[in-house]
């Protein structure tokens, strides 16, 4: 994760690709960034991090 708590652009692009493949809806860059970061935040909230 980058310093501004945003996923890297490469990961956002992968999210956009998968979202379009699954839901047949193309997301804008901003919408994809928002959704991907929200999903990642939810994952961290539920599963935590693996830092030891």
PDB file of N, CA and C in Angstrom:
ATOM      1  N   UNK A   1       0.847  -1.178   0.000  1.00  0.00           N
ATOM      2  CA  UNK A   1       0.000   0.000   0.000  1.00  0.00           C
ATOM      3  C   UNK A   1       0.888   1.234   0.000  1.00  0.00           C
ATOM      4  N   UNK A   2       0.504   2.224  -0.739  1.00  0.00           N
ATOM      5  CA  UNK A   2       1.294   3.434  -0.843  1.00  0.00           C
ATOM      6  C   UNK A   2       1.064   4.319   0.371  1.00  0.00           C
ATOM      7  N   UNK A   3       1.903   5.347   0.496  1.00  0.00           N
ATOM      8  CA  UNK A   3       1.857   6.229   1.665  1.00  0.00           C
ATOM      9  C   UNK A   3       0.501   6.900   1.853  1.00  0.00           C
ATOM     10  N   UNK A   4      -0.219   7.153   0.763  1.00  0.00           N
ATOM     11  CA  UNK A   4      -1.511   7.832   0.883  1.00  0.00           C
ATOM     12  C   UNK A   4      -2.663   6.849   1.103  1.00  0.00           C
ATOM     13  N   UNK A   5      -2.334   5.626   1.561  1.00  0.00           N
ATOM     14  CA  UNK A   5      -3.334   4.589   1.839  1.00  0.00           C
ATOM     15  C   UNK A   5      -4.155   4.213   0.622  1.00  0.00           C
ATOM     16  N   UNK A   6      -3.541   4.242  -0.520  1.00  0.00           N
ATOM     17  CA  UNK A   6      -4.197   3.865  -1.754  1.00  0.00           C
ATOM     18  C   UNK A   6      -3.426   2.711  -2.382  1.00  0.00           C
ATOM     19  N   UNK A   7      -4.148   1.771  -2.960  1.00  0.00           N
ATOM     20  CA  UNK A   7      -3.492   0.667  -3.650  1.00  0.00           C
ATOM     21  C   UNK A   7      -2.709   1.195  -4.848  1.00  0.00           C
ATOM     22  N   UNK A   8      -1.654   0.491  -5.253  1.00  0.00           N
ATOM     23  CA  UNK A   8      -0.885   0.915  -6.428  1.00  0.00           C
ATOM     24  C   UNK A   8      -1.742   0.887  -7.700  1.00  0.00           C
ATOM     25  N   UNK A   9      -1.377   1.717  -8.658  1.00  0.00           N
ATOM     26  CA  UNK A   9      -2.133   1.821  -9.914  1.00  0.00           C
ATOM     27  C   UNK A   9      -2.269   0.465 -10.601  1.00  0.00           C
ATOM     28  N   UNK A  10      -1.222  -0.345 -10.563  1.00  0.00           N
ATOM     29  CA  UNK A  10      -1.263  -1.677 -11.175  1.00  0.00           C
ATOM     30  C   UNK A  10      -2.394  -2.518 -10.577  1.00  0.00           C
ATOM     31  N   UNK A  11      -2.571  -2.437  -9.281  1.00  0.00           N
ATOM     32  CA  UNK A  11      -3.624  -3.199  -8.603  1.00  0.00           C
ATOM     33  C   UNK A  11      -5.014  -2.652  -8.941  1.00  0.00           C
ATOM     34  N   UNK A  12      -5.114  -1.346  -9.072  1.00  0.00           N
ATOM     35  CA  UNK A  12      -6.394  -0.730  -9.458  1.00  0.00           C
ATOM     36  C   UNK A  12      -6.780  -1.183 -10.865  1.00  0.00           C
ATOM     37  N   UNK A  13      -5.806  -1.217 -11.770  1.00  0.00           N
ATOM     38  CA  UNK A  13      -6.070  -1.664 -13.143  1.00  0.00           C
ATOM     39  C   UNK A  13      -6.526  -3.128 -13.162  1.00  0.00           C
ATOM     40  N   UNK A  14      -5.921  -3.957 -12.342  1.00  0.00           N
ATOM     41  CA  UNK A  14      -6.333  -5.361 -12.251  1.00  0.00           C
ATOM     42  C   UNK A  14      -7.751  -5.469 -11.701  1.00  0.00           C
ATOM     43  N   UNK A  15      -8.075  -4.663 -10.711  1.00  0.00           N
ATOM     44  CA  UNK A  15      -9.432  -4.636 -10.162  1.00  0.00           C
ATOM     45  C   UNK A  15     -10.432  -4.247 -11.250  1.00  0.00           C
ATOM     46  N   UNK A  16     -10.097  -3.203 -12.036  1.00  0.00           N
ATOM     47  CA  UNK A  16     -10.975  -2.770 -13.132  1.00  0.00           C
ATOM     48  C   UNK A  16     -11.200  -3.897 -14.137  1.00  0.00           C
ATOM     49  N   UNK A  17     -10.129  -4.594 -14.479  1.00  0.00           N
ATOM     50  CA  UNK A  17     -10.220  -5.686 -15.447  1.00  0.00           C
ATOM     51  C   UNK A  17     -11.128  -6.804 -14.930  1.00  0.00           C
ATOM     52  N   UNK A  18     -10.922  -7.199 -13.686  1.00  0.00           N
ATOM     53  CA  UNK A  18     -11.744  -8.258 -13.103  1.00  0.00           C
ATOM     54  C   UNK A  18     -13.198  -7.831 -12.944  1.00  0.00           C
ATOM     55  N   UNK A  19     -13.406  -6.587 -12.531  1.00  0.00           N
ATOM     56  CA  UNK A  19     -14.769  -6.084 -12.346  1.00  0.00           C
ATOM     57  C   UNK A  19     -15.533  -6.128 -13.667  1.00  0.00           C
ATOM     58  N   UNK A  20     -14.875  -5.685 -14.741  1.00  0.00           N
ATOM     59  CA  UNK A  20     -15.523  -5.687 -16.059  1.00  0.00           C
ATOM     60  C   UNK A  20     -15.798  -7.112 -16.520  1.00  0.00           C
ATOM     61  N   UNK A  21     -14.868  -8.008 -16.277  1.00  0.00           N
ATOM     62  CA  UNK A  21     -15.039  -9.405 -16.682  1.00  0.00           C
ATOM     63  C   UNK A  21     -16.213 -10.052 -15.953  1.00  0.00           C
ATOM     64  N   UNK A  22     -16.331  -9.792 -14.670  1.00  0.00           N
ATOM     65  CA  UNK A  22     -17.367 -10.434 -13.858  1.00  0.00           C
ATOM     66  C   UNK A  22     -18.728  -9.763 -14.009  1.00  0.00           C
ATOM     67  N   UNK A  23     -18.766  -8.427 -13.922  1.00  0.00           N
ATOM     68  CA  UNK A  23     -20.036  -7.703 -13.896  1.00  0.00           C
ATOM     69  C   UNK A  23     -20.421  -7.062 -15.221  1.00  0.00           C
ATOM     70  N   UNK A  24     -19.527  -7.098 -16.215  1.00  0.00           N
ATOM     71  CA  UNK A  24     -19.785  -6.498 -17.535  1.00  0.00           C
ATOM     72  C   UNK A  24     -20.030  -4.997 -17.444  1.00  0.00           C
ATOM     73  N   UNK A  25     -19.379  -4.355 -16.470  1.00  0.00           N
ATOM     74  CA  UNK A  25     -19.487  -2.905 -16.269  1.00  0.00           C
ATOM     75  C   UNK A  25     -18.080  -2.342 -16.186  1.00  0.00           C
ATOM     76  N   UNK A  26     -17.805  -1.342 -17.022  1.00  0.00           N
ATOM     77  CA  UNK A  26     -16.499  -0.680 -16.989  1.00  0.00           C
ATOM     78  C   UNK A  26     -16.543   0.457 -15.974  1.00  0.00           C
ATOM     79  N   UNK A  27     -15.591   0.466 -15.068  1.00  0.00           N
ATOM     80  CA  UNK A  27     -15.509   1.514 -14.053  1.00  0.00           C
ATOM     81  C   UNK A  27     -14.535   2.600 -14.492  1.00  0.00           C
ATOM     82  N   UNK A  28     -14.826   3.833 -14.087  1.00  0.00           N
ATOM     83  CA  UNK A  28     -13.862   4.914 -14.299  1.00  0.00           C
ATOM     84  C   UNK A  28     -12.675   4.673 -13.367  1.00  0.00           C
ATOM     85  N   UNK A  29     -11.580   5.362 -13.627  1.00  0.00           N
ATOM     86  CA  UNK A  29     -10.406   5.218 -12.763  1.00  0.00           C
ATOM     87  C   UNK A  29     -10.737   5.580 -11.319  1.00  0.00           C
ATOM     88  N   UNK A  30     -11.459   6.678 -11.133  1.00  0.00           N
ATOM     89  CA  UNK A  30     -11.800   7.121  -9.770  1.00  0.00           C
ATOM     90  C   UNK A  30     -12.728   6.135  -9.064  1.00  0.00           C
ATOM     91  N   UNK A  31     -13.725   5.629  -9.792  1.00  0.00           N
ATOM     92  CA  UNK A  31     -14.661   4.676  -9.190  1.00  0.00           C
ATOM     93  C   UNK A  31     -13.945   3.369  -8.855  1.00  0.00           C
ATOM     94  N   UNK A  32     -13.089   2.916  -9.737  1.00  0.00           N
ATOM     95  CA  UNK A  32     -12.328   1.690  -9.484  1.00  0.00           C
ATOM     96  C   UNK A  32     -11.411   1.871  -8.283  1.00  0.00           C
ATOM     97  N   UNK A  33     -10.766   3.020  -8.195  1.00  0.00           N
ATOM     98  CA  UNK A  33      -9.875   3.299  -7.066  1.00  0.00           C
ATOM     99  C   UNK A  33     -10.659   3.286  -5.757  1.00  0.00           C
ATOM    100  N   UNK A  34     -11.811   3.930  -5.752  1.00  0.00           N
ATOM    101  CA  UNK A  34     -12.643   3.983  -4.547  1.00  0.00           C
ATOM    102  C   UNK A  34     -13.094   2.580  -4.136  1.00  0.00           C
ATOM    103  N   UNK A  35     -13.617   1.818  -5.098  1.00  0.00           N
ATOM    104  CA  UNK A  35     -14.129   0.484  -4.786  1.00  0.00           C
ATOM    105  C   UNK A  35     -13.020  -0.478  -4.358  1.00  0.00           C
ATOM    106  N   UNK A  36     -11.894  -0.441  -5.053  1.00  0.00           N
ATOM    107  CA  UNK A  36     -10.783  -1.338  -4.717  1.00  0.00           C
ATOM    108  C   UNK A  36     -10.233  -1.026  -3.329  1.00  0.00           C
ATOM    109  N   UNK A  37     -10.075   0.249  -3.030  1.00  0.00           N
ATOM    110  CA  UNK A  37      -9.564   0.629  -1.708  1.00  0.00           C
ATOM    111  C   UNK A  37     -10.557   0.291  -0.604  1.00  0.00           C
ATOM    112  N   UNK A  38     -11.847   0.455  -0.869  1.00  0.00           N
ATOM    113  CA  UNK A  38     -12.862   0.073   0.116  1.00  0.00           C
ATOM    114  C   UNK A  38     -12.843  -1.433   0.364  1.00  0.00           C
ATOM    115  N   UNK A  39     -12.711  -2.210  -0.704  1.00  0.00           N
ATOM    116  CA  UNK A  39     -12.645  -3.662  -0.568  1.00  0.00           C
ATOM    117  C   UNK A  39     -11.415  -4.073   0.234  1.00  0.00           C
ATOM    118  N   UNK A  40     -10.288  -3.451  -0.062  1.00  0.00           N
ATOM    119  CA  UNK A  40      -9.058  -3.762   0.668  1.00  0.00           C
ATOM    120  C   UNK A  40      -9.183  -3.385   2.143  1.00  0.00           C
ATOM    121  N   UNK A  41      -9.780  -2.245   2.423  1.00  0.00           N
ATOM    122  CA  UNK A  41      -9.976  -1.814   3.813  1.00  0.00           C
ATOM    123  C   UNK A  41     -10.884  -2.794   4.559  1.00  0.00           C
ATOM    124  N   UNK A  42     -11.916  -3.280   3.895  1.00  0.00           N
ATOM    125  CA  UNK A  42     -12.801  -4.268   4.507  1.00  0.00           C
ATOM    126  C   UNK A  42     -12.039  -5.555   4.807  1.00  0.00           C
ATOM    127  N   UNK A  43     -11.243  -5.994   3.861  1.00  0.00           N
ATOM    128  CA  UNK A  43     -10.433  -7.202   4.061  1.00  0.00           C
ATOM    129  C   UNK A  43      -9.524  -7.051   5.283  1.00  0.00           C
ATOM    130  N   UNK A  44      -8.843  -5.922   5.391  1.00  0.00           N
ATOM    131  CA  UNK A  44      -7.949  -5.675   6.527  1.00  0.00           C
ATOM    132  C   UNK A  44      -8.746  -5.636   7.834  1.00  0.00           C
ATOM    133  N   UNK A  45      -9.933  -5.022   7.812  1.00  0.00           N
ATOM    134  CA  UNK A  45     -10.759  -4.941   9.015  1.00  0.00           C
ATOM    135  C   UNK A  45     -11.204  -6.329   9.480  1.00  0.00           C
ATOM    136  N   UNK A  46     -11.506  -7.204   8.543  1.00  0.00           N
ATOM    137  CA  UNK A  46     -11.990  -8.536   8.893  1.00  0.00           C
ATOM    138  C   UNK A  46     -10.844  -9.486   9.236  1.00  0.00           C
ATOM    139  N   UNK A  47      -9.837  -9.509   8.398  1.00  0.00           N
ATOM    140  CA  UNK A  47      -8.762 -10.488   8.548  1.00  0.00           C
ATOM    141  C   UNK A  47      -7.497  -9.941   9.191  1.00  0.00           C
ATOM    142  N   UNK A  48      -7.373  -8.627   9.273  1.00  0.00           N
ATOM    143  CA  UNK A  48      -6.177  -8.031   9.853  1.00  0.00           C
ATOM    144  C   UNK A  48      -4.993  -8.130   8.906  1.00  0.00           C
ATOM    145  N   UNK A  49      -3.825  -7.841   9.449  1.00  0.00           N
ATOM    146  CA  UNK A  49      -2.607  -7.944   8.655  1.00  0.00           C
ATOM    147  C   UNK A  49      -1.764  -9.082   9.195  1.00  0.00           C
ATOM    148  N   UNK A  50      -0.803  -9.492   8.448  1.00  0.00           N
ATOM    149  CA  UNK A  50       0.055 -10.603   8.841  1.00  0.00           C
ATOM    150  C   UNK A  50       1.410 -10.092   9.308  1.00  0.00           C
ATOM    151  N   UNK A  51       1.425  -8.959   9.983  1.00  0.00           N
ATOM    152  CA  UNK A  51       2.677  -8.393  10.483  1.00  0.00           C
ATOM    153  C   UNK A  51       3.033  -9.051  11.806  1.00  0.00           C
ATOM    154  N   UNK A  52       4.278  -9.478  11.907  1.00  0.00           N
ATOM    155  CA  UNK A  52       4.739 -10.117  13.152  1.00  0.00           C
ATOM    156  C   UNK A  52       5.969  -9.440  13.647  1.00  0.00           C
TER     157      UNK A  52
END
